[in-house]
Protein backbone atom coordinates (compact mmCIF):
# COMPACT_ATOMS: atom_id res chain seq x y z
CA UNK A 1 42.42 67.19 -47.58
CA UNK A 2 41.02 65.11 -44.75
CA UNK A 3 40.24 61.50 -45.65
CA UNK A 4 37.43 59.29 -44.46
CA UNK A 5 39.02 56.35 -42.65
CA UNK A 6 37.49 53.29 -41.03
CA UNK A 7 37.82 52.47 -37.34
CA UNK A 8 40.92 50.51 -36.25
CA UNK A 9 40.69 46.84 -37.05
CA UNK A 10 38.04 47.07 -39.77
CA UNK A 11 40.49 46.72 -42.67
CA UNK A 12 42.02 43.66 -40.99
CA UNK A 13 38.78 41.76 -41.47
CA UNK A 14 38.78 39.05 -44.12
CA UNK A 15 35.34 38.51 -45.62
CA UNK A 16 33.54 35.44 -44.27
CA UNK A 17 33.13 32.63 -46.79
CA UNK A 18 30.04 30.44 -46.38
CA UNK A 19 29.54 26.95 -47.74
CA UNK A 20 28.94 26.69 -51.48
CA UNK A 21 25.38 26.09 -52.72
CA UNK A 22 25.82 25.43 -56.44
CA UNK A 23 27.74 23.13 -58.75
CA UNK A 24 28.17 24.07 -62.39
CA UNK A 25 26.01 21.92 -64.62
CA UNK A 26 24.17 20.21 -61.75
CA UNK A 27 20.47 20.97 -61.39
CA UNK A 28 19.77 19.20 -58.09
CA UNK A 29 22.71 19.52 -55.73
CA UNK A 30 22.99 17.54 -52.49
CA UNK A 31 24.29 20.31 -50.26
CA UNK A 32 26.33 18.92 -47.39
CA UNK A 33 28.54 21.98 -46.98
CA UNK A 34 26.74 24.07 -44.36
CA UNK A 35 25.70 21.68 -41.56
CA UNK A 36 22.00 22.11 -42.21
CA UNK A 37 19.35 19.74 -40.85
CA UNK A 38 18.42 17.28 -43.64
CA UNK A 39 14.90 17.08 -42.17
CA UNK A 40 14.43 20.83 -42.58
CA UNK A 41 12.41 22.87 -40.07
CA UNK A 42 9.75 21.26 -37.87
CA UNK A 43 6.20 21.43 -39.30
CA UNK A 44 5.16 23.25 -36.12
CA UNK A 45 7.57 26.08 -36.95
CA UNK A 46 6.33 26.30 -40.53
CA UNK A 47 2.73 26.56 -39.32
CA UNK A 48 3.65 29.25 -36.80
CA UNK A 49 5.51 31.22 -39.46
CA UNK A 50 2.57 31.04 -41.86
CA UNK A 51 0.20 32.28 -39.18
CA UNK A 52 2.55 35.09 -38.17
CA UNK A 53 2.96 36.18 -41.79
CA UNK A 54 -0.53 37.70 -41.74
CA UNK A 55 0.77 40.25 -39.26
CA UNK A 56 3.89 41.29 -41.14
CA UNK A 57 2.62 44.87 -41.30
CA UNK A 58 3.03 45.12 -37.54
CA UNK A 59 6.33 45.71 -35.74
CA UNK A 60 7.66 42.74 -33.76
CA UNK A 61 8.06 42.81 -30.00
CA UNK A 62 11.13 44.63 -28.77
CA UNK A 63 11.72 42.43 -25.74
CA UNK A 64 11.27 38.97 -27.37
CA UNK A 65 9.30 38.03 -24.27
CA UNK A 66 7.38 35.09 -25.78
CA UNK A 67 10.51 33.47 -27.22
CA UNK A 68 12.55 34.07 -24.08
CA UNK A 69 9.75 32.53 -21.99
CA UNK A 70 9.64 29.47 -24.26
CA UNK A 71 13.41 29.04 -24.01
CA UNK A 72 13.22 29.41 -20.23
CA UNK A 73 10.47 26.81 -19.91
CA UNK A 74 12.14 24.24 -22.17
CA UNK A 75 15.68 24.63 -20.83
CA UNK A 76 14.82 25.47 -17.22
CA UNK A 77 16.50 28.86 -17.17
CA UNK A 78 15.61 32.40 -16.10
CA UNK A 79 13.94 34.29 -18.97
CA UNK A 80 15.38 37.58 -17.69
CA UNK A 81 18.88 36.21 -18.33
CA UNK A 82 18.18 35.27 -21.96
CA UNK A 83 19.11 37.55 -24.86
CA UNK A 84 18.08 36.85 -28.47
CA UNK A 85 19.93 37.82 -31.61
CA UNK A 86 20.13 37.42 -35.37
CA UNK A 87 21.71 34.00 -35.07
CA UNK A 88 24.14 33.31 -32.27
CA UNK A 89 26.59 35.36 -34.37
CA UNK A 90 24.87 38.55 -33.27
CA UNK A 91 24.93 37.50 -29.63
CA UNK A 92 28.67 36.95 -29.98
CA UNK A 93 28.91 40.41 -31.52
CA UNK A 94 27.02 41.88 -28.55
CA UNK A 95 29.48 40.49 -26.01
CA UNK A 96 32.62 41.43 -27.95
CA UNK A 97 31.34 44.92 -28.70
CA UNK A 98 30.08 45.55 -25.17
CA UNK A 99 33.11 44.27 -23.26
CA UNK A 100 36.18 44.84 -25.46
CA UNK A 101 37.78 47.56 -27.53
CA UNK A 102 41.10 49.01 -28.69
CA UNK A 103 43.97 47.78 -26.52
CA UNK A 104 42.09 44.68 -25.39
CA UNK A 105 42.67 41.07 -26.45
CA UNK A 106 40.20 38.32 -27.36
CA UNK A 107 41.47 34.74 -27.28
CA UNK A 108 40.22 32.08 -29.69
CA UNK A 109 41.58 28.68 -30.68
CA UNK A 110 43.20 27.72 -33.96
CA UNK A 111 40.26 25.71 -35.24
CA UNK A 112 37.47 27.79 -33.71
CA UNK A 113 34.66 29.53 -35.61
CA UNK A 114 36.16 31.79 -38.29
CA UNK A 115 33.95 34.69 -37.18
CA UNK A 116 35.90 35.09 -33.94
CA UNK A 117 38.81 37.16 -35.27
CA UNK A 118 36.32 39.14 -37.35
CA UNK A 119 34.31 39.99 -34.23
CA UNK A 120 37.46 41.00 -32.37
CA UNK A 121 38.52 43.32 -35.18
CA UNK A 122 35.01 44.77 -35.39
CA UNK A 123 35.35 45.83 -31.76
CA UNK A 124 38.85 47.21 -32.34
CA UNK A 125 40.32 44.53 -30.08
CA UNK A 126 43.25 42.26 -30.94
CA UNK A 127 42.44 38.61 -31.75
CA UNK A 128 44.86 36.15 -30.15
CA UNK A 129 44.90 32.68 -31.69
CA UNK A 130 46.13 29.74 -29.60
CA UNK A 131 46.86 26.20 -30.86
CA UNK A 132 44.71 23.15 -30.23
CA UNK A 133 46.10 19.70 -29.42
CA UNK A 134 45.22 17.00 -31.93
CA UNK A 135 42.13 18.93 -32.98
CA UNK A 136 40.85 19.38 -29.43
CA UNK A 137 40.84 22.65 -27.49
CA UNK A 138 43.91 22.94 -25.24
CA UNK A 139 42.98 24.60 -21.94
CA UNK A 140 46.61 25.11 -20.94
CA UNK A 141 47.32 26.90 -24.23
CA UNK A 142 44.41 29.25 -23.57
CA UNK A 143 45.50 29.98 -20.01
CA UNK A 144 49.06 30.53 -21.18
CA UNK A 145 47.86 33.24 -23.57
CA UNK A 146 45.94 35.22 -20.93
CA UNK A 147 47.42 38.64 -20.14
CA UNK A 148 46.26 41.73 -18.31
CA UNK A 149 44.79 42.85 -21.65
CA UNK A 150 42.62 39.76 -22.12
CA UNK A 151 38.91 40.49 -21.88
CA UNK A 152 37.17 37.55 -23.57
CA UNK A 153 37.84 33.89 -24.40
CA UNK A 154 35.72 32.54 -27.28
CA UNK A 155 35.34 28.78 -27.08
CA UNK A 156 33.50 26.62 -29.63
CA UNK A 157 32.31 23.40 -28.01
CA UNK A 158 31.70 21.04 -29.72
CA UNK A 159 34.21 22.35 -32.24
CA UNK A 160 33.70 23.41 -35.84
CA UNK A 161 35.14 22.10 -38.15
CA UNK A 162 36.72 19.45 -35.92
CA UNK A 163 33.53 18.06 -34.38
CA UNK A 164 35.49 17.28 -31.21
CA UNK A 165 34.29 18.11 -27.73
CA UNK A 166 36.17 19.36 -24.70
CA UNK A 167 35.27 17.31 -21.59
CA UNK A 168 33.11 19.08 -19.01
CA UNK A 169 35.89 18.80 -16.44
CA UNK A 170 38.25 20.74 -18.71
CA UNK A 171 35.70 23.50 -19.27
CA UNK A 172 35.28 23.83 -15.52
CA UNK A 173 39.07 23.93 -15.10
CA UNK A 174 39.26 26.73 -17.64
CA UNK A 175 36.47 28.69 -15.96
CA UNK A 176 38.09 28.25 -12.55
CA UNK A 177 41.50 29.44 -13.75
CA UNK A 178 40.45 32.52 -15.73
CA UNK A 179 40.81 35.89 -13.97
CA UNK A 180 37.52 37.40 -12.81
CA UNK A 181 37.70 40.19 -15.39
CA UNK A 182 37.84 37.73 -18.34
CA UNK A 183 34.55 36.56 -19.86
CA UNK A 184 34.38 32.94 -21.00
CA UNK A 185 31.97 32.59 -23.94
CA UNK A 186 30.90 29.00 -24.65
CA UNK A 187 29.57 28.86 -28.20
CA UNK A 188 27.31 25.80 -28.21
CA UNK A 189 25.84 25.87 -31.70
CA UNK A 190 25.97 22.06 -31.89
CA UNK A 191 24.97 21.30 -28.30
CA UNK A 192 21.81 19.38 -29.20
CA UNK A 193 23.88 16.83 -31.12
CA UNK A 194 26.23 16.16 -28.17
CA UNK A 195 24.72 13.52 -25.91
CA UNK A 196 24.70 14.47 -22.23
CA UNK A 197 26.15 17.95 -22.76
CA UNK A 198 24.42 21.10 -21.50
CA UNK A 199 26.34 23.51 -23.72
CA UNK A 200 27.80 25.37 -20.76
CA UNK A 201 24.40 26.18 -19.28
CA UNK A 202 25.31 25.16 -15.73
CA UNK A 203 28.41 27.37 -15.80
CA UNK A 204 26.47 30.31 -17.24
CA UNK A 205 23.92 29.77 -14.48
CA UNK A 206 26.43 29.91 -11.64
CA UNK A 207 29.45 31.94 -12.77
CA UNK A 208 29.58 35.76 -12.96
CA UNK A 209 31.84 35.75 -16.04
CA UNK A 210 30.44 32.94 -18.25
CA UNK A 211 28.09 33.41 -21.22
CA UNK A 212 26.58 30.54 -23.22
CA UNK A 213 25.30 30.97 -26.78
CA UNK A 214 23.00 28.75 -28.85
CA UNK A 215 21.41 28.82 -32.30
CA UNK A 216 18.22 27.81 -34.10
CA UNK A 217 20.15 27.32 -37.35
CA UNK A 218 21.31 23.74 -36.82
CA UNK A 219 19.06 21.10 -35.28
CA UNK A 220 15.99 23.35 -35.41
CA UNK A 221 16.41 23.87 -39.16
CA UNK A 222 15.84 27.64 -39.10
CA UNK A 223 19.12 28.80 -40.66
CA UNK A 224 17.27 30.95 -43.17
CA UNK A 225 15.51 32.91 -40.41
CA UNK A 226 18.65 33.69 -38.36
CA UNK A 227 17.74 33.33 -34.69
CA UNK A 228 20.04 32.65 -31.76
CA UNK A 229 20.20 33.24 -28.04
CA UNK A 230 22.57 33.69 -25.17
CA UNK A 231 22.36 33.03 -21.44
CA UNK A 232 24.47 34.45 -18.67
CA UNK A 233 24.61 36.68 -15.60
CA UNK A 234 21.81 39.24 -15.42
CA UNK A 235 24.14 42.24 -15.27
CA UNK A 236 26.05 41.01 -18.34
CA UNK A 237 22.82 40.48 -20.29
CA UNK A 238 21.60 43.95 -19.29
CA UNK A 239 24.76 45.53 -20.73
CA UNK A 240 24.48 43.56 -23.97
CA UNK A 241 20.81 44.49 -24.33
CA UNK A 242 21.75 48.17 -24.39
CA UNK A 243 23.47 47.71 -27.76
CA UNK A 244 20.88 45.36 -29.26
CA UNK A 245 18.73 46.89 -31.97
CA UNK A 246 15.13 47.00 -30.65
CA UNK A 247 13.64 45.26 -33.71
CA UNK A 248 16.52 42.93 -34.57
CA UNK A 249 14.25 39.87 -34.98
CA UNK A 250 11.20 39.77 -37.24
CA UNK A 251 7.71 38.67 -36.26
CA UNK A 252 7.91 35.52 -38.37
CA UNK A 253 11.35 34.58 -37.06
CA UNK A 254 10.25 34.98 -33.45
CA UNK A 255 7.09 32.92 -33.98
CA UNK A 256 8.87 30.10 -35.81
CA UNK A 257 11.64 29.93 -33.20
CA UNK A 258 9.14 29.80 -30.34
CA UNK A 259 7.30 26.89 -31.97
CA UNK A 260 10.57 25.12 -32.76
CA UNK A 261 12.02 25.31 -29.26
CA UNK A 262 8.81 23.88 -27.83
CA UNK A 263 8.86 20.98 -30.31
CA UNK A 264 11.12 18.81 -28.17
CA UNK A 265 10.01 15.57 -29.86
CA UNK A 266 11.26 16.92 -33.20
CA UNK A 267 14.63 17.72 -31.67
CA UNK A 268 14.90 14.26 -30.11
CA UNK A 269 14.07 12.58 -33.42
CA UNK A 270 16.57 14.69 -35.37
CA UNK A 271 19.31 14.02 -32.81
CA UNK A 272 18.66 10.29 -32.99
CA UNK A 273 18.76 10.29 -36.81
CA UNK A 274 21.99 12.28 -36.75
CA UNK A 275 23.67 9.98 -34.23
CA UNK A 276 22.78 6.92 -36.32
CA UNK A 277 23.97 8.32 -39.65
CA UNK A 278 27.01 10.00 -38.10
CA UNK A 279 28.22 6.62 -36.82
CA UNK A 280 27.55 5.08 -40.23
CA UNK A 281 29.44 7.82 -42.07
CA UNK A 282 32.36 7.81 -39.64
CA UNK A 283 32.79 4.05 -39.94
CA UNK A 284 32.65 4.15 -43.73
CA UNK A 285 35.19 6.98 -43.98
CA UNK A 286 37.65 5.08 -41.81
CA UNK A 287 37.20 1.92 -43.86
CA UNK A 288 37.98 3.97 -46.96
CA UNK A 289 41.23 5.19 -45.42
CA UNK A 290 40.04 8.72 -44.57
CA UNK A 291 40.91 9.62 -40.99
CA UNK A 292 38.29 11.25 -38.80
CA UNK A 293 37.73 11.91 -35.12
CA UNK A 294 34.58 10.95 -33.27
CA UNK A 295 32.16 13.84 -33.79
CA UNK A 296 29.68 15.37 -31.35
CA UNK A 297 28.08 17.49 -34.08
CA UNK A 298 26.05 17.03 -37.27
CA UNK A 299 29.14 16.77 -39.46
CA UNK A 300 32.29 14.71 -39.77
CA UNK A 301 35.72 16.10 -40.64
CA UNK A 302 37.41 13.63 -43.00
CA UNK A 303 41.18 14.05 -43.27
CA UNK A 304 42.86 12.79 -46.41
CA UNK A 305 46.51 11.75 -46.56
CA UNK A 306 47.36 14.82 -48.65
CA UNK A 307 45.84 17.86 -50.32
CA UNK A 308 46.01 16.01 -53.64
CA UNK A 309 43.99 13.11 -52.24
CA UNK A 310 41.48 15.53 -50.72
CA UNK A 311 41.10 17.27 -54.07
CA UNK A 312 40.39 13.92 -55.73
CA UNK A 313 37.85 12.87 -53.11
CA UNK A 314 36.04 16.20 -53.36
CA UNK A 315 36.03 15.97 -57.16
CA UNK A 316 34.45 12.51 -56.95
CA UNK A 317 31.71 13.83 -54.66
CA UNK A 318 31.13 16.87 -56.88
CA UNK A 319 30.86 14.61 -59.93
CA UNK A 320 27.91 12.93 -58.19
CA UNK A 321 26.33 16.32 -57.41
CA UNK A 322 27.41 16.35 -53.76
CA UNK A 323 28.72 19.57 -52.22
CA UNK A 324 30.98 19.38 -49.18
CA UNK A 325 33.14 21.96 -47.40
CA UNK A 326 36.91 22.23 -47.72
CA UNK A 327 38.34 23.77 -44.58
CA UNK A 328 41.83 24.97 -45.46
CA UNK A 329 40.98 28.31 -43.87
CA UNK A 330 40.53 26.51 -40.56
CA UNK A 331 43.98 24.95 -40.76
CA UNK A 332 43.06 21.71 -42.54
CA UNK A 333 44.05 21.93 -46.22
CA UNK A 334 43.61 18.14 -46.41
CA UNK A 335 40.25 18.29 -44.63
CA UNK A 336 36.75 17.71 -46.02
CA UNK A 337 33.85 18.60 -43.72
CA UNK A 338 30.77 16.54 -44.58
CA UNK A 339 27.36 17.33 -43.12
CA UNK A 340 25.54 14.26 -41.81
CA UNK A 341 22.47 13.71 -43.97
CA UNK A 342 19.58 11.27 -43.83
CA UNK A 343 20.00 7.57 -44.65
CA UNK A 344 19.71 8.04 -48.41
CA UNK A 345 22.06 11.02 -48.48
CA UNK A 346 24.66 9.27 -46.33
CA UNK A 347 24.45 6.23 -48.58
CA UNK A 348 25.05 8.43 -51.60
CA UNK A 349 28.20 9.93 -50.05
CA UNK A 350 29.54 6.51 -49.12
CA UNK A 351 28.81 5.11 -52.60
CA UNK A 352 30.58 8.01 -54.36
CA UNK A 353 33.67 7.74 -52.16
CA UNK A 354 33.74 3.96 -52.45
CA UNK A 355 33.69 4.19 -56.24
CA UNK A 356 36.47 6.78 -56.09
CA UNK A 357 38.61 4.48 -53.94
CA UNK A 358 37.99 1.53 -56.23
CA UNK A 359 39.22 3.37 -59.31
CA UNK A 360 42.03 5.36 -57.72
């Protein structure tokens, strides 16, 4: 008897594990496990969502014209080269699905976003993992892995969970050295937290094989609405649009995202708060003997001396009702990724870890 079988690659997918949201026995948890904005969404986005909610019986626009126009005006890009998705995850799915398949290879780095091998397997392509160097993307390792089968390079910059950032000159070197048939995808989910960085926009503007992706889930505080966007060559965007569901984004999500992207003062204030508390948290972690790199994101990756020490530090935080993210799946069994909170939240993390150090 014939059997129903999934497409090649599907059964190689490990289910994605998000950051925890609950602690047993704790009513009010301080969740610092998912890199969410401690300020929440901008009031302008909340107001826009509430207004849009009255029209929930109507279908949303299929072309996302108002949101694409807002993005174009704020970021100085061509609206016709913008594509919107259900988070930047869906935009990444568009490019992998549209431009790779069985027999092709997709390169990602050892500490890149854990969705990358999943996306490759979804398309039936083969994920190829290359090492990083001291928690920073290694351009030479990527170029050394390129073959005639390579179709896409997925690059997280700044990195997650490392928080490190590849210098602009190295990204340009990578783009220059890749064969013309290989698409370089620069996943810039944390761009707004990286001072002086354009998230790959200039390369996506000028190169025929570079796509940049961004999200509204981080600094804009709209993680629960799932909105992202990509920017690249017009012909690449046209291909990706052919596989996009016509009503992939809801009316309320589109309205809130449009208001949020136009609220540049909110973004500036959130970036400033993050930079201040990130420096405070980084300094405190180092004083407590927990190694960490300088971060260009809204989190810090603390590295304990051992898995045992990391377990103890996490237990101390949990005992105070603080949830953080262990990142063994990203290659750091001794790592603890801590979202940067507001001043009170950062103080609470520092106090809990200081008490742990004093009694350990």
